[in-house]
Amino acid sequence: MNGNSMSLRALVDKWLAPTRSIPAHVTQTGRFGSNGVRYVCLEGQVSARPLSIVFFRHGSGAWDVFPPLPPLAAMGTRLFAA
């Protein structure tokens, strides 16, 4: 992980602020997309209202609330070789 990333636990604390009386819990986990990006959906309460947030794991090992960008197509040098 790079120096600017936060652990999944820190992000859950930041976004859902769980307590013993109002815990956050995992509702779904899995992978999606052709490159198998991991995700975790957590549910908690904020201002007495239910809130679900999906966290995505990036290639660097960091977790965030937005999915990683798909890999861009790369052009190989063999296309130009004669």
Protein backbone atom coordinates (compact mmCIF):
# COMPACT_ATOMS: atom_id res chain seq x y z
CA MET A 1 0.00 0.00 0.00
CA ASN A 2 1.15 3.50 -0.63
CA GLY A 3 1.51 6.09 2.12
CA ASN A 4 -1.80 7.83 1.34
CA SER A 5 -4.04 4.76 1.53
CA MET A 6 -6.18 3.74 4.46
CA SER A 7 -7.02 0.26 5.68
CA LEU A 8 -10.54 -1.06 5.22
CA ARG A 9 -11.08 -0.81 8.96
CA ALA A 10 -10.05 2.87 8.98
CA LEU A 11 -12.41 3.62 6.08
CA VAL A 12 -15.30 1.88 7.83
CA ASP A 13 -14.57 3.91 10.97
CA LYS A 14 -14.44 7.10 8.89
CA TRP A 15 -17.61 6.55 6.85
CA LEU A 16 -19.86 4.53 9.19
CA ALA A 17 -18.44 5.27 12.68
CA PRO A 18 -19.64 1.97 14.16
CA THR A 19 -20.17 1.54 17.90
CA ARG A 20 -21.10 -1.43 20.09
CA SER A 21 -24.75 -0.38 20.03
CA ILE A 22 -24.77 0.43 16.28
CA PRO A 23 -22.28 -1.88 14.59
CA ALA A 24 -21.38 -2.02 10.93
CA HIS A 25 -21.64 -5.42 9.31
CA VAL A 26 -20.62 -7.01 6.02
CA THR A 27 -23.59 -7.71 3.76
CA GLN A 28 -21.78 -8.90 0.65
CA THR A 29 -18.30 -9.69 -0.65
CA GLY A 30 -17.04 -10.84 -4.00
CA ARG A 31 -15.25 -10.01 -7.21
CA PHE A 32 -16.44 -8.32 -10.36
CA GLY A 33 -15.17 -7.46 -13.79
CA SER A 34 -12.79 -9.32 -16.05
CA ASN A 35 -9.84 -8.60 -13.76
CA GLY A 36 -11.62 -9.80 -10.58
CA VAL A 37 -11.65 -6.59 -8.55
CA ARG A 38 -12.52 -7.38 -4.93
CA TYR A 39 -15.35 -5.55 -3.20
CA VAL A 40 -16.97 -5.52 0.23
CA CYS A 41 -20.40 -4.05 0.96
CA LEU A 42 -20.88 -2.88 4.53
CA GLU A 43 -24.02 -1.62 6.21
CA GLY A 44 -24.32 0.65 9.21
CA GLN A 45 -26.32 3.60 10.48
CA VAL A 46 -25.56 7.28 10.10
CA SER A 47 -27.86 9.82 11.74
CA ALA A 48 -30.25 6.97 12.67
CA ARG A 49 -30.67 6.06 8.98
CA PRO A 50 -29.34 2.89 7.34
CA LEU A 51 -26.38 3.34 5.01
CA SER A 52 -24.67 0.79 2.76
CA ILE A 53 -21.27 1.50 1.23
CA VAL A 54 -19.30 -0.61 -1.22
CA PHE A 55 -15.51 -0.53 -0.83
CA PHE A 56 -13.24 -1.62 -3.68
CA ARG A 57 -9.69 -2.97 -3.43
CA HIS A 58 -7.23 -1.36 -5.81
CA GLY A 59 -4.16 -2.97 -7.37
CA SER A 60 -1.91 -1.18 -4.86
CA GLY A 61 -3.72 -2.94 -2.00
CA ALA A 62 -5.60 0.21 -1.00
CA TRP A 63 -9.37 0.20 -0.38
CA ASP A 64 -11.62 3.04 -1.54
CA VAL A 65 -15.27 3.89 -2.26
CA PHE A 66 -14.70 4.07 -6.00
CA PRO A 67 -13.72 1.16 -8.25
CA PRO A 68 -10.26 1.10 -9.81
CA LEU A 69 -9.94 2.19 -13.40
CA PRO A 70 -9.76 -0.68 -15.86
CA PRO A 71 -6.33 -1.33 -17.35
CA LEU A 72 -5.75 0.64 -20.53
CA ALA A 73 -4.91 -1.09 -23.74
CA ALA A 74 -1.21 -0.98 -24.44
CA MET A 75 0.38 -0.98 -27.83
CA GLY A 76 3.27 -3.38 -28.27
CA THR A 77 6.36 -2.68 -30.37
CA ARG A 78 5.83 -5.84 -32.38
CA LEU A 79 3.12 -4.03 -34.32
CA PHE A 80 5.77 -1.73 -35.80
CA ALA A 81 8.50 -4.28 -36.43
CA ALA A 82 9.19 -4.96 -40.09
